[in-house]
């Protein structure tokens, strides 16, 4: 397991806070209430470990298959339904959404190989990520990957806690299935918009793993 580069600054700041505040408490608190310093030390240390774990990037054997669409993120499937896309396709699409809790791995991966034909960031609100309106009203970044003539839309959506979306893809870029698409800090969701009639291999509330679980196939 490694630590994602998006976490370097956050982890460094948390580590600095951990050292300073605990040093102050142990130095200034009288011995009779030293248990307060020890309690804060334990709690702050656990929080520091949580921050590190949030930016973890586990080693995985990825699913690489041109006939399959793999999960772009770890989490739980919260939406499987037909919807009308108003941003890019402007017609009906099959939507599969994966909700990421703060405890999930937050690295986002390409669900298919192909060429990036669209990439756009949208400012927006910070509704809870499971709210249906979050797909169109929240801060988000949308990319479309053209795979063997079939476009696949991937939408990173910020939530009530997540306040920073990072996306690495640019129009014209060739990408590989399982390659890094981006990162969302502290919980959110990722939507996939697929052609109607695409065969789905997951169910609502199923827990999936990014780059491994097959969501659908052509």
N, C-alpha and C. Protein backbone atom coordinates (compact mmCIF):
# COMPACT_ATOMS: atom_id res chain seq x y z
N UNK A 1 0.84 -1.20 0.00
CA UNK A 1 0.00 0.00 0.00
C UNK A 1 0.88 1.25 0.00
N UNK A 2 0.48 2.25 -0.77
CA UNK A 2 1.19 3.52 -0.80
C UNK A 2 0.23 4.65 -0.43
N UNK A 3 0.77 5.86 -0.31
CA UNK A 3 -0.03 7.04 -0.01
C UNK A 3 -0.14 7.87 -1.27
N UNK A 4 -1.35 8.31 -1.59
CA UNK A 4 -1.58 9.09 -2.81
C UNK A 4 -0.95 10.47 -2.68
N UNK A 5 -0.45 10.99 -3.80
CA UNK A 5 0.21 12.29 -3.80
C UNK A 5 -0.70 13.42 -3.36
N UNK A 6 -2.02 13.27 -3.56
CA UNK A 6 -2.97 14.30 -3.14
C UNK A 6 -3.03 14.44 -1.62
N UNK A 7 -2.49 13.45 -0.92
CA UNK A 7 -2.55 13.49 0.54
C UNK A 7 -1.31 14.02 1.21
N UNK A 8 -0.25 14.27 0.46
CA UNK A 8 1.02 14.68 1.07
C UNK A 8 0.86 15.93 1.94
N UNK A 9 0.25 16.96 1.40
CA UNK A 9 0.13 18.22 2.14
C UNK A 9 -0.79 18.08 3.35
N UNK A 10 -1.93 17.41 3.16
CA UNK A 10 -2.88 17.23 4.25
C UNK A 10 -2.26 16.43 5.39
N UNK A 11 -1.56 15.35 5.04
CA UNK A 11 -0.93 14.51 6.06
C UNK A 11 0.17 15.28 6.79
N UNK A 12 0.94 16.07 6.06
CA UNK A 12 2.01 16.86 6.69
C UNK A 12 1.44 17.88 7.67
N UNK A 13 0.36 18.55 7.29
CA UNK A 13 -0.26 19.54 8.18
C UNK A 13 -0.86 18.88 9.42
N UNK A 14 -1.51 17.73 9.22
CA UNK A 14 -2.08 17.01 10.36
C UNK A 14 -0.97 16.51 11.30
N UNK A 15 0.12 16.04 10.71
CA UNK A 15 1.24 15.57 11.52
C UNK A 15 1.86 16.71 12.33
N UNK A 16 1.98 17.88 11.71
CA UNK A 16 2.52 19.04 12.41
C UNK A 16 1.61 19.46 13.56
N UNK A 17 0.30 19.49 13.31
CA UNK A 17 -0.66 19.82 14.36
C UNK A 17 -0.59 18.81 15.50
N UNK A 18 -0.49 17.52 15.15
CA UNK A 18 -0.41 16.46 16.15
C UNK A 18 0.79 16.66 17.07
N UNK A 19 1.94 16.96 16.50
CA UNK A 19 3.16 17.14 17.29
C UNK A 19 3.07 18.38 18.17
N UNK A 20 2.61 19.49 17.60
CA UNK A 20 2.58 20.76 18.35
C UNK A 20 1.58 20.70 19.50
N UNK A 21 0.34 20.30 19.22
CA UNK A 21 -0.69 20.34 20.25
C UNK A 21 -0.39 19.36 21.38
N UNK A 22 0.14 18.18 21.04
CA UNK A 22 0.45 17.22 22.09
C UNK A 22 1.66 17.65 22.91
N UNK A 23 2.63 18.29 22.27
CA UNK A 23 3.78 18.81 23.00
C UNK A 23 3.35 19.88 23.99
N UNK A 24 2.44 20.75 23.56
CA UNK A 24 1.95 21.82 24.43
C UNK A 24 1.20 21.24 25.63
N UNK A 25 0.32 20.27 25.36
CA UNK A 25 -0.47 19.68 26.44
C UNK A 25 0.41 18.98 27.47
N UNK A 26 1.35 18.19 27.02
CA UNK A 26 2.22 17.46 27.96
C UNK A 26 3.13 18.42 28.73
N UNK A 27 3.48 19.55 28.14
CA UNK A 27 4.39 20.48 28.80
C UNK A 27 3.67 21.34 29.84
N UNK A 28 2.44 21.79 29.51
CA UNK A 28 1.77 22.76 30.36
C UNK A 28 0.76 22.15 31.35
N UNK A 29 0.18 21.01 31.05
CA UNK A 29 -0.79 20.43 31.98
C UNK A 29 -0.08 19.88 33.22
N UNK A 30 -0.63 20.13 34.40
CA UNK A 30 -0.03 19.59 35.62
C UNK A 30 -0.13 18.06 35.66
N UNK A 31 0.76 17.45 36.41
CA UNK A 31 0.82 15.99 36.47
C UNK A 31 -0.50 15.38 36.93
N UNK A 32 -1.23 16.09 37.80
CA UNK A 32 -2.47 15.55 38.37
C UNK A 32 -3.55 15.32 37.31
N UNK A 33 -3.46 16.04 36.19
CA UNK A 33 -4.47 15.85 35.12
C UNK A 33 -3.78 15.42 33.82
N UNK A 34 -2.67 14.73 33.97
CA UNK A 34 -1.95 14.28 32.78
C UNK A 34 -2.76 13.31 31.94
N UNK A 35 -3.78 12.69 32.56
CA UNK A 35 -4.62 11.75 31.83
C UNK A 35 -5.33 12.45 30.66
N UNK A 36 -5.59 13.76 30.83
CA UNK A 36 -6.23 14.52 29.73
C UNK A 36 -5.30 14.56 28.53
N UNK A 37 -4.02 14.81 28.80
CA UNK A 37 -3.04 14.86 27.71
C UNK A 37 -2.93 13.50 27.02
N UNK A 38 -2.93 12.43 27.83
CA UNK A 38 -2.83 11.08 27.26
C UNK A 38 -4.07 10.74 26.44
N UNK A 39 -5.25 11.14 26.94
CA UNK A 39 -6.49 10.89 26.21
C UNK A 39 -6.48 11.62 24.87
N UNK A 40 -6.06 12.88 24.89
CA UNK A 40 -6.01 13.64 23.65
C UNK A 40 -4.97 13.06 22.70
N UNK A 41 -3.87 12.59 23.26
CA UNK A 41 -2.82 11.98 22.43
C UNK A 41 -3.37 10.76 21.68
N UNK A 42 -4.11 9.92 22.40
CA UNK A 42 -4.66 8.71 21.77
C UNK A 42 -5.67 9.07 20.69
N UNK A 43 -6.58 10.01 21.01
CA UNK A 43 -7.61 10.39 20.04
C UNK A 43 -7.00 11.07 18.81
N UNK A 44 -6.06 11.96 19.03
CA UNK A 44 -5.44 12.66 17.91
C UNK A 44 -4.58 11.73 17.07
N UNK A 45 -3.97 10.73 17.71
CA UNK A 45 -3.18 9.76 16.97
C UNK A 45 -4.08 8.89 16.08
N UNK A 46 -5.24 8.50 16.62
CA UNK A 46 -6.18 7.71 15.83
C UNK A 46 -6.70 8.53 14.64
N UNK A 47 -6.94 9.81 14.87
CA UNK A 47 -7.40 10.68 13.78
C UNK A 47 -6.31 10.81 12.72
N UNK A 48 -5.06 10.94 13.16
CA UNK A 48 -3.94 11.05 12.23
C UNK A 48 -3.82 9.78 11.37
N UNK A 49 -4.02 8.62 12.00
CA UNK A 49 -3.99 7.36 11.25
C UNK A 49 -5.13 7.29 10.24
N UNK A 50 -6.31 7.82 10.64
CA UNK A 50 -7.46 7.83 9.73
C UNK A 50 -7.16 8.68 8.51
N UNK A 51 -6.54 9.85 8.71
CA UNK A 51 -6.21 10.73 7.59
C UNK A 51 -5.26 10.01 6.64
N UNK A 52 -4.27 9.33 7.19
CA UNK A 52 -3.33 8.59 6.35
C UNK A 52 -4.06 7.50 5.57
N UNK A 53 -4.97 6.78 6.26
CA UNK A 53 -5.68 5.68 5.60
C UNK A 53 -6.61 6.20 4.50
N UNK A 54 -7.11 7.42 4.65
CA UNK A 54 -7.99 7.99 3.64
C UNK A 54 -7.27 8.14 2.30
N UNK A 55 -5.99 8.44 2.35
CA UNK A 55 -5.22 8.65 1.12
C UNK A 55 -4.46 7.40 0.68
N UNK A 56 -4.84 6.27 1.22
CA UNK A 56 -4.15 5.03 0.87
C UNK A 56 -4.46 4.61 -0.56
N UNK A 57 -3.49 3.97 -1.19
CA UNK A 57 -3.67 3.40 -2.52
C UNK A 57 -3.22 1.94 -2.44
N UNK A 58 -4.15 1.01 -2.27
CA UNK A 58 -3.78 -0.40 -2.12
C UNK A 58 -3.32 -1.01 -3.44
N UNK A 59 -2.47 -1.99 -3.35
CA UNK A 59 -2.03 -2.73 -4.54
C UNK A 59 -3.14 -3.71 -4.93
N UNK A 60 -3.49 -3.73 -6.21
CA UNK A 60 -4.59 -4.57 -6.66
C UNK A 60 -4.27 -5.21 -8.00
N UNK A 61 -4.90 -6.36 -8.22
CA UNK A 61 -4.87 -6.99 -9.53
C UNK A 61 -6.11 -6.50 -10.27
N UNK A 62 -5.93 -5.62 -11.23
CA UNK A 62 -7.04 -4.96 -11.90
C UNK A 62 -7.72 -5.87 -12.93
N UNK A 63 -8.99 -5.60 -13.16
CA UNK A 63 -9.73 -6.27 -14.23
C UNK A 63 -9.52 -5.50 -15.52
N UNK A 64 -8.88 -6.13 -16.48
CA UNK A 64 -8.59 -5.49 -17.77
C UNK A 64 -9.25 -6.30 -18.88
N UNK A 65 -10.35 -5.77 -19.41
CA UNK A 65 -11.13 -6.49 -20.41
C UNK A 65 -11.93 -5.48 -21.21
N UNK A 66 -11.68 -5.38 -22.51
CA UNK A 66 -12.37 -4.39 -23.35
C UNK A 66 -13.88 -4.60 -23.44
N UNK A 67 -14.33 -5.78 -23.10
CA UNK A 67 -15.76 -6.06 -23.17
C UNK A 67 -16.49 -5.71 -21.87
N UNK A 68 -15.74 -5.23 -20.87
CA UNK A 68 -16.32 -4.97 -19.55
C UNK A 68 -16.07 -3.53 -19.11
N UNK A 69 -17.00 -3.03 -18.30
CA UNK A 69 -16.89 -1.70 -17.70
C UNK A 69 -16.69 -1.89 -16.21
N UNK A 70 -15.53 -1.49 -15.71
CA UNK A 70 -15.21 -1.74 -14.30
C UNK A 70 -15.55 -0.53 -13.44
N UNK A 71 -15.68 -0.77 -12.15
CA UNK A 71 -16.02 0.30 -11.21
C UNK A 71 -14.93 1.36 -11.19
N UNK A 72 -15.30 2.63 -11.27
CA UNK A 72 -14.31 3.70 -11.24
C UNK A 72 -13.89 4.08 -9.82
N UNK A 73 -14.57 3.51 -8.82
CA UNK A 73 -14.27 3.87 -7.43
C UNK A 73 -14.75 2.78 -6.48
N UNK A 74 -14.17 2.77 -5.29
CA UNK A 74 -14.65 1.90 -4.21
C UNK A 74 -15.94 2.50 -3.64
N UNK A 75 -16.82 1.64 -3.15
CA UNK A 75 -18.01 2.16 -2.49
C UNK A 75 -19.20 1.26 -2.66
N UNK A 76 -20.38 1.86 -2.56
CA UNK A 76 -21.65 1.13 -2.64
C UNK A 76 -22.46 1.65 -3.82
N UNK A 77 -23.07 0.71 -4.57
CA UNK A 77 -23.92 1.10 -5.70
C UNK A 77 -25.23 1.66 -5.15
N UNK A 78 -25.50 2.93 -5.45
CA UNK A 78 -26.70 3.57 -4.90
C UNK A 78 -27.73 3.91 -5.97
N UNK A 79 -27.34 3.84 -7.24
CA UNK A 79 -28.29 4.13 -8.33
C UNK A 79 -28.03 3.19 -9.50
N UNK A 80 -29.09 2.56 -9.98
CA UNK A 80 -29.08 1.85 -11.26
C UNK A 80 -30.41 2.17 -11.92
N UNK A 81 -30.39 3.10 -12.86
CA UNK A 81 -31.65 3.52 -13.47
C UNK A 81 -31.40 4.22 -14.80
N UNK A 82 -32.45 4.30 -15.58
CA UNK A 82 -32.38 5.04 -16.83
C UNK A 82 -32.66 6.50 -16.53
N UNK A 83 -31.85 7.40 -17.11
CA UNK A 83 -32.01 8.82 -16.86
C UNK A 83 -31.78 9.58 -18.16
N UNK A 84 -32.13 10.85 -18.16
CA UNK A 84 -31.90 11.71 -19.32
C UNK A 84 -30.74 12.63 -18.99
N UNK A 85 -29.66 12.50 -19.75
CA UNK A 85 -28.49 13.35 -19.54
C UNK A 85 -28.70 14.69 -20.23
N UNK A 86 -28.46 15.78 -19.48
CA UNK A 86 -28.67 17.12 -20.03
C UNK A 86 -27.37 17.85 -20.32
N UNK A 87 -26.24 17.21 -20.03
CA UNK A 87 -24.96 17.89 -20.22
C UNK A 87 -24.26 17.55 -21.53
N UNK A 88 -24.18 16.28 -21.86
CA UNK A 88 -23.39 15.87 -23.02
C UNK A 88 -24.23 15.13 -24.07
N UNK A 89 -24.87 14.04 -23.67
CA UNK A 89 -25.61 13.23 -24.64
C UNK A 89 -26.94 13.85 -25.03
N UNK A 90 -27.60 14.43 -24.04
CA UNK A 90 -28.94 15.02 -24.22
C UNK A 90 -29.95 13.99 -24.72
N UNK A 91 -29.82 12.79 -24.19
CA UNK A 91 -30.79 11.73 -24.45
C UNK A 91 -30.75 10.75 -23.29
N UNK A 92 -31.45 9.63 -23.43
CA UNK A 92 -31.53 8.66 -22.34
C UNK A 92 -30.23 7.87 -22.21
N UNK A 93 -29.83 7.63 -20.96
CA UNK A 93 -28.64 6.85 -20.65
C UNK A 93 -28.92 5.98 -19.44
N UNK A 94 -28.14 4.91 -19.31
CA UNK A 94 -28.20 4.06 -18.14
C UNK A 94 -27.21 4.60 -17.12
N UNK A 95 -27.72 4.96 -15.95
CA UNK A 95 -26.86 5.54 -14.91
C UNK A 95 -26.57 4.50 -13.82
N UNK A 96 -25.28 4.36 -13.49
CA UNK A 96 -24.85 3.56 -12.34
C UNK A 96 -24.01 4.48 -11.47
N UNK A 97 -24.39 4.61 -10.20
CA UNK A 97 -23.69 5.52 -9.30
C UNK A 97 -23.09 4.76 -8.12
N UNK A 98 -21.85 5.12 -7.77
CA UNK A 98 -21.14 4.50 -6.66
C UNK A 98 -20.88 5.57 -5.60
N UNK A 99 -21.41 5.35 -4.39
CA UNK A 99 -21.21 6.27 -3.28
C UNK A 99 -19.99 5.86 -2.47
N UNK A 100 -19.10 6.83 -2.22
CA UNK A 100 -17.89 6.58 -1.44
C UNK A 100 -18.03 7.21 -0.06
N UNK A 101 -17.89 6.41 0.98
CA UNK A 101 -17.88 6.94 2.35
C UNK A 101 -16.47 7.42 2.66
N UNK A 102 -16.29 8.20 3.74
CA UNK A 102 -14.94 8.64 4.10
C UNK A 102 -13.96 7.50 4.36
N UNK A 103 -14.48 6.30 4.62
CA UNK A 103 -13.60 5.17 4.91
C UNK A 103 -13.11 4.45 3.65
N UNK A 104 -13.71 4.76 2.51
CA UNK A 104 -13.32 4.10 1.26
C UNK A 104 -12.02 4.65 0.68
N UNK A 105 -11.41 3.86 -0.22
CA UNK A 105 -10.30 4.37 -1.03
C UNK A 105 -10.89 5.40 -1.99
N UNK A 106 -10.24 6.55 -2.13
CA UNK A 106 -10.83 7.63 -2.91
C UNK A 106 -10.12 7.93 -4.22
N UNK A 107 -9.22 7.08 -4.62
CA UNK A 107 -8.63 7.19 -5.94
C UNK A 107 -9.68 6.75 -6.96
N UNK A 108 -9.85 7.52 -8.04
CA UNK A 108 -10.79 7.18 -9.10
C UNK A 108 -10.04 6.66 -10.32
N UNK A 109 -10.59 5.60 -10.95
CA UNK A 109 -9.92 4.93 -12.06
C UNK A 109 -10.78 4.92 -13.32
N UNK A 110 -10.12 4.80 -14.46
CA UNK A 110 -10.85 4.76 -15.72
C UNK A 110 -11.63 3.45 -15.85
N UNK A 111 -12.93 3.51 -16.11
CA UNK A 111 -13.72 2.28 -16.24
C UNK A 111 -13.48 1.54 -17.55
N UNK A 112 -12.99 2.27 -18.56
CA UNK A 112 -12.70 1.67 -19.87
C UNK A 112 -11.46 2.34 -20.45
N UNK A 113 -10.92 1.73 -21.48
CA UNK A 113 -9.83 2.35 -22.25
C UNK A 113 -10.44 3.18 -23.37
N UNK A 114 -9.65 4.13 -23.89
CA UNK A 114 -10.14 4.92 -25.02
C UNK A 114 -9.52 6.29 -25.08
N UNK A 115 -10.20 7.20 -25.77
CA UNK A 115 -9.73 8.58 -25.91
C UNK A 115 -10.69 9.53 -25.20
N UNK A 116 -10.14 10.46 -24.45
CA UNK A 116 -10.95 11.46 -23.75
C UNK A 116 -11.44 12.48 -24.78
N UNK A 117 -12.76 12.61 -24.91
CA UNK A 117 -13.32 13.53 -25.90
C UNK A 117 -14.02 14.72 -25.23
N UNK A 118 -14.13 14.68 -23.90
CA UNK A 118 -14.82 15.77 -23.19
C UNK A 118 -14.33 15.80 -21.75
N UNK A 119 -14.06 16.99 -21.24
CA UNK A 119 -13.65 17.15 -19.84
C UNK A 119 -14.06 18.54 -19.39
N UNK A 120 -14.93 18.60 -18.37
CA UNK A 120 -15.43 19.90 -17.93
C UNK A 120 -15.72 19.91 -16.44
N UNK A 121 -15.26 20.96 -15.78
CA UNK A 121 -15.52 21.16 -14.35
C UNK A 121 -16.72 22.08 -14.18
N UNK A 122 -17.58 21.78 -13.19
CA UNK A 122 -18.76 22.59 -12.91
C UNK A 122 -18.77 22.99 -11.43
N UNK A 123 -18.90 24.28 -11.18
CA UNK A 123 -19.11 24.71 -9.80
C UNK A 123 -20.52 24.31 -9.38
N UNK A 124 -20.75 24.21 -8.07
CA UNK A 124 -22.08 23.83 -7.64
C UNK A 124 -22.23 23.77 -6.14
N UNK A 125 -23.32 23.15 -5.72
CA UNK A 125 -23.64 23.03 -4.30
C UNK A 125 -22.89 21.85 -3.68
N UNK A 126 -23.17 21.63 -2.40
CA UNK A 126 -22.57 20.50 -1.68
C UNK A 126 -23.66 19.72 -0.94
N UNK A 127 -24.65 19.28 -1.72
CA UNK A 127 -25.70 18.43 -1.16
C UNK A 127 -25.10 17.08 -0.79
N UNK A 128 -25.77 16.34 0.10
CA UNK A 128 -25.28 15.00 0.42
C UNK A 128 -25.22 14.19 -0.86
N UNK A 129 -24.20 13.37 -0.97
CA UNK A 129 -23.90 12.71 -2.25
C UNK A 129 -24.98 11.74 -2.71
N UNK A 130 -25.80 11.23 -1.79
CA UNK A 130 -26.84 10.28 -2.21
C UNK A 130 -28.12 10.99 -2.66
N UNK A 131 -28.17 12.29 -2.54
CA UNK A 131 -29.32 13.06 -3.02
C UNK A 131 -29.33 13.00 -4.56
N UNK A 132 -30.45 12.61 -5.19
CA UNK A 132 -30.51 12.53 -6.66
C UNK A 132 -30.13 13.84 -7.34
N UNK A 133 -30.40 14.98 -6.68
CA UNK A 133 -30.09 16.28 -7.27
C UNK A 133 -28.59 16.56 -7.33
N UNK A 134 -27.80 15.80 -6.56
CA UNK A 134 -26.36 16.07 -6.52
C UNK A 134 -25.70 15.85 -7.88
N UNK A 135 -26.28 14.98 -8.72
CA UNK A 135 -25.70 14.70 -10.04
C UNK A 135 -25.68 15.93 -10.94
N UNK A 136 -26.64 16.84 -10.74
CA UNK A 136 -26.75 18.00 -11.62
C UNK A 136 -26.53 19.33 -10.89
N UNK A 137 -26.60 19.33 -9.55
CA UNK A 137 -26.50 20.59 -8.82
C UNK A 137 -25.22 20.74 -8.01
N UNK A 138 -24.55 19.64 -7.68
CA UNK A 138 -23.33 19.73 -6.88
C UNK A 138 -22.10 20.09 -7.72
N UNK A 139 -21.04 20.50 -7.04
CA UNK A 139 -19.76 20.66 -7.71
C UNK A 139 -19.39 19.32 -8.32
N UNK A 140 -18.89 19.31 -9.56
CA UNK A 140 -18.64 18.05 -10.24
C UNK A 140 -17.65 18.25 -11.39
N UNK A 141 -17.09 17.15 -11.82
CA UNK A 141 -16.22 17.16 -13.01
C UNK A 141 -16.64 15.99 -13.89
N UNK A 142 -16.93 16.30 -15.15
CA UNK A 142 -17.41 15.29 -16.09
C UNK A 142 -16.37 15.03 -17.17
N UNK A 143 -16.13 13.76 -17.44
CA UNK A 143 -15.29 13.39 -18.58
C UNK A 143 -16.02 12.34 -19.40
N UNK A 144 -15.74 12.31 -20.69
CA UNK A 144 -16.31 11.30 -21.58
C UNK A 144 -15.15 10.60 -22.27
N UNK A 145 -15.14 9.28 -22.17
CA UNK A 145 -14.11 8.46 -22.80
C UNK A 145 -14.73 7.70 -23.97
N UNK A 146 -14.19 7.91 -25.15
CA UNK A 146 -14.68 7.21 -26.34
C UNK A 146 -14.00 5.84 -26.41
N UNK A 147 -14.79 4.78 -26.25
CA UNK A 147 -14.26 3.42 -26.24
C UNK A 147 -14.78 2.65 -27.44
N UNK A 148 -13.90 2.41 -28.42
CA UNK A 148 -14.30 1.67 -29.63
C UNK A 148 -15.58 2.23 -30.25
N UNK A 149 -15.65 3.56 -30.31
CA UNK A 149 -16.81 4.20 -30.93
C UNK A 149 -17.97 4.43 -29.99
N UNK A 150 -17.89 3.95 -28.75
CA UNK A 150 -18.97 4.12 -27.77
C UNK A 150 -18.52 5.05 -26.65
N UNK A 151 -19.19 6.18 -26.45
CA UNK A 151 -18.80 7.11 -25.39
C UNK A 151 -19.32 6.67 -24.02
N UNK A 152 -18.44 6.77 -23.01
CA UNK A 152 -18.80 6.46 -21.63
C UNK A 152 -18.55 7.72 -20.80
N UNK A 153 -19.58 8.21 -20.12
CA UNK A 153 -19.45 9.42 -19.31
C UNK A 153 -19.17 9.05 -17.86
N UNK A 154 -18.16 9.70 -17.27
CA UNK A 154 -17.81 9.50 -15.87
C UNK A 154 -17.92 10.85 -15.18
N UNK A 155 -18.69 10.91 -14.10
CA UNK A 155 -18.90 12.17 -13.40
C UNK A 155 -18.48 12.05 -11.94
N UNK A 156 -17.46 12.81 -11.56
CA UNK A 156 -17.04 12.89 -10.16
C UNK A 156 -17.87 13.97 -9.48
N UNK A 157 -18.50 13.63 -8.36
CA UNK A 157 -19.43 14.55 -7.70
C UNK A 157 -18.99 14.81 -6.27
N UNK A 158 -18.88 16.08 -5.90
CA UNK A 158 -18.57 16.45 -4.52
C UNK A 158 -19.81 16.23 -3.65
N UNK A 159 -19.59 16.06 -2.35
CA UNK A 159 -20.70 15.86 -1.43
C UNK A 159 -20.68 16.88 -0.32
N UNK A 160 -21.41 16.59 0.77
CA UNK A 160 -21.50 17.52 1.88
C UNK A 160 -20.16 17.68 2.59
N UNK A 161 -19.32 16.64 2.55
CA UNK A 161 -18.00 16.68 3.20
C UNK A 161 -16.90 16.94 2.19
N UNK A 162 -16.99 16.26 1.04
CA UNK A 162 -15.95 16.43 0.01
C UNK A 162 -16.01 17.84 -0.57
N UNK A 163 -14.86 18.52 -0.58
CA UNK A 163 -14.83 19.88 -1.10
C UNK A 163 -13.73 20.07 -2.14
N UNK A 164 -13.15 18.97 -2.59
CA UNK A 164 -12.13 19.13 -3.62
C UNK A 164 -12.13 17.94 -4.56
N UNK A 165 -12.38 18.21 -5.83
CA UNK A 165 -12.34 17.19 -6.87
C UNK A 165 -11.08 17.40 -7.69
N UNK A 166 -10.33 16.33 -7.90
CA UNK A 166 -9.13 16.39 -8.74
C UNK A 166 -9.36 15.48 -9.93
N UNK A 167 -9.16 16.00 -11.14
CA UNK A 167 -9.30 15.20 -12.34
C UNK A 167 -8.07 15.40 -13.21
N UNK A 168 -7.50 14.30 -13.70
CA UNK A 168 -6.24 14.36 -14.44
C UNK A 168 -6.41 14.26 -15.97
N UNK A 169 -7.63 14.06 -16.45
CA UNK A 169 -7.83 13.79 -17.88
C UNK A 169 -8.06 15.05 -18.70
N UNK A 170 -7.51 15.06 -19.91
CA UNK A 170 -7.66 16.18 -20.82
C UNK A 170 -8.17 15.68 -22.17
N UNK A 171 -8.97 16.48 -22.89
CA UNK A 171 -9.44 16.07 -24.22
C UNK A 171 -8.29 15.70 -25.14
N UNK A 172 -8.46 14.61 -25.88
CA UNK A 172 -7.43 14.13 -26.79
C UNK A 172 -6.49 13.13 -26.16
N UNK A 173 -6.56 13.00 -24.85
CA UNK A 173 -5.66 12.07 -24.14
C UNK A 173 -6.12 10.63 -24.31
N UNK A 174 -5.19 9.72 -24.56
CA UNK A 174 -5.48 8.29 -24.63
C UNK A 174 -5.30 7.70 -23.24
N UNK A 175 -6.29 6.96 -22.76
CA UNK A 175 -6.24 6.41 -21.41
C UNK A 175 -6.44 4.90 -21.44
N UNK A 176 -5.95 4.25 -20.41
CA UNK A 176 -6.08 2.81 -20.27
C UNK A 176 -7.07 2.46 -19.16
N UNK A 177 -7.80 1.39 -19.34
CA UNK A 177 -8.71 0.89 -18.31
C UNK A 177 -7.91 0.63 -17.03
N UNK A 178 -8.41 1.13 -15.91
CA UNK A 178 -7.72 0.95 -14.64
C UNK A 178 -6.68 2.01 -14.34
N UNK A 179 -6.41 2.90 -15.33
CA UNK A 179 -5.49 4.00 -15.10
C UNK A 179 -6.15 5.06 -14.22
N UNK A 180 -5.33 5.95 -13.69
CA UNK A 180 -5.85 6.94 -12.74
C UNK A 180 -6.62 8.04 -13.45
N UNK A 181 -7.86 8.25 -13.00
CA UNK A 181 -8.73 9.29 -13.53
C UNK A 181 -8.67 10.54 -12.66
N UNK A 182 -8.63 10.34 -11.33
CA UNK A 182 -8.61 11.49 -10.43
C UNK A 182 -8.74 11.07 -8.98
N UNK A 183 -9.16 12.03 -8.16
CA UNK A 183 -9.25 11.79 -6.72
C UNK A 183 -10.30 12.75 -6.16
N UNK A 184 -11.09 12.27 -5.19
CA UNK A 184 -12.05 13.13 -4.49
C UNK A 184 -11.76 13.04 -3.00
N UNK A 185 -11.57 14.18 -2.35
CA UNK A 185 -11.20 14.17 -0.93
C UNK A 185 -12.42 14.08 -0.02
N UNK A 186 -12.39 13.12 0.87
CA UNK A 186 -13.32 12.98 1.99
C UNK A 186 -14.77 12.71 1.61
N UNK A 187 -14.99 11.68 0.83
CA UNK A 187 -16.33 11.15 0.62
C UNK A 187 -17.13 11.83 -0.48
N UNK A 188 -17.74 11.05 -1.36
CA UNK A 188 -18.58 11.61 -2.41
C UNK A 188 -19.14 10.48 -3.27
N UNK A 189 -19.31 10.72 -4.56
CA UNK A 189 -19.79 9.65 -5.43
C UNK A 189 -19.32 9.85 -6.86
N UNK A 190 -19.41 8.77 -7.64
CA UNK A 190 -19.05 8.80 -9.06
C UNK A 190 -20.21 8.20 -9.84
N UNK A 191 -20.66 8.92 -10.86
CA UNK A 191 -21.72 8.44 -11.75
C UNK A 191 -21.12 7.95 -13.05
N UNK A 192 -21.69 6.87 -13.58
CA UNK A 192 -21.36 6.40 -14.92
C UNK A 192 -22.63 6.49 -15.76
N UNK A 193 -22.51 7.04 -16.97
CA UNK A 193 -23.64 7.05 -17.90
C UNK A 193 -23.27 6.20 -19.10
N UNK A 194 -24.05 5.14 -19.31
CA UNK A 194 -23.77 4.14 -20.33
C UNK A 194 -24.92 4.07 -21.34
N UNK A 195 -24.69 3.48 -22.50
CA UNK A 195 -25.77 3.34 -23.48
C UNK A 195 -26.93 2.51 -22.91
N UNK A 196 -28.17 2.89 -23.21
CA UNK A 196 -29.32 2.09 -22.77
C UNK A 196 -29.19 0.66 -23.27
N UNK A 197 -29.57 -0.29 -22.44
CA UNK A 197 -29.49 -1.68 -22.83
C UNK A 197 -28.18 -2.35 -22.46
N UNK A 198 -27.23 -1.58 -21.92
CA UNK A 198 -25.97 -2.18 -21.47
C UNK A 198 -26.27 -3.19 -20.37
N UNK A 199 -25.63 -4.35 -20.44
CA UNK A 199 -25.88 -5.41 -19.47
C UNK A 199 -25.22 -5.08 -18.13
N UNK A 200 -26.03 -5.02 -17.08
CA UNK A 200 -25.54 -4.65 -15.74
C UNK A 200 -25.23 -5.91 -14.94
N UNK A 201 -24.10 -5.90 -14.21
CA UNK A 201 -23.68 -7.07 -13.44
C UNK A 201 -23.70 -6.84 -11.92
N UNK A 202 -24.21 -5.69 -11.49
CA UNK A 202 -24.26 -5.40 -10.05
C UNK A 202 -25.68 -5.07 -9.64
N UNK A 203 -25.90 -5.03 -8.34
CA UNK A 203 -27.22 -4.72 -7.79
C UNK A 203 -27.12 -3.52 -6.86
N UNK A 204 -28.26 -2.91 -6.56
CA UNK A 204 -28.30 -1.81 -5.62
C UNK A 204 -27.74 -2.25 -4.26
N UNK A 205 -26.99 -1.38 -3.63
CA UNK A 205 -26.38 -1.59 -2.32
C UNK A 205 -25.23 -2.59 -2.33
N UNK A 206 -24.84 -3.04 -3.51
CA UNK A 206 -23.68 -3.93 -3.59
C UNK A 206 -22.40 -3.12 -3.40
N UNK A 207 -21.47 -3.67 -2.63
CA UNK A 207 -20.19 -3.03 -2.40
C UNK A 207 -19.23 -3.41 -3.52
N UNK A 208 -18.59 -2.40 -4.12
CA UNK A 208 -17.72 -2.64 -5.27
C UNK A 208 -16.32 -2.09 -4.99
N UNK A 209 -15.35 -2.58 -5.77
CA UNK A 209 -13.97 -2.12 -5.65
C UNK A 209 -13.52 -1.52 -6.97
N UNK A 210 -12.94 -0.33 -6.88
CA UNK A 210 -12.48 0.37 -8.07
C UNK A 210 -11.41 -0.42 -8.82
N UNK A 211 -11.60 -0.53 -10.14
CA UNK A 211 -10.63 -1.22 -10.98
C UNK A 211 -10.76 -2.72 -10.97
N UNK A 212 -11.64 -3.25 -10.12
CA UNK A 212 -11.78 -4.71 -10.00
C UNK A 212 -13.19 -5.18 -10.36
N UNK A 213 -14.20 -4.62 -9.69
CA UNK A 213 -15.57 -5.08 -9.87
C UNK A 213 -16.11 -4.69 -11.24
N UNK A 214 -16.69 -5.66 -11.92
CA UNK A 214 -17.32 -5.39 -13.23
C UNK A 214 -18.73 -4.87 -13.00
N UNK A 215 -18.96 -3.63 -13.41
CA UNK A 215 -20.29 -3.03 -13.26
C UNK A 215 -21.23 -3.45 -14.39
N UNK A 216 -20.68 -3.53 -15.59
CA UNK A 216 -21.51 -3.83 -16.76
C UNK A 216 -20.63 -4.35 -17.88
N UNK A 217 -21.28 -4.83 -18.96
CA UNK A 217 -20.52 -5.31 -20.12
C UNK A 217 -21.28 -4.93 -21.38
N UNK A 218 -20.55 -4.91 -22.48
CA UNK A 218 -21.15 -4.50 -23.76
C UNK A 218 -21.96 -5.64 -24.36
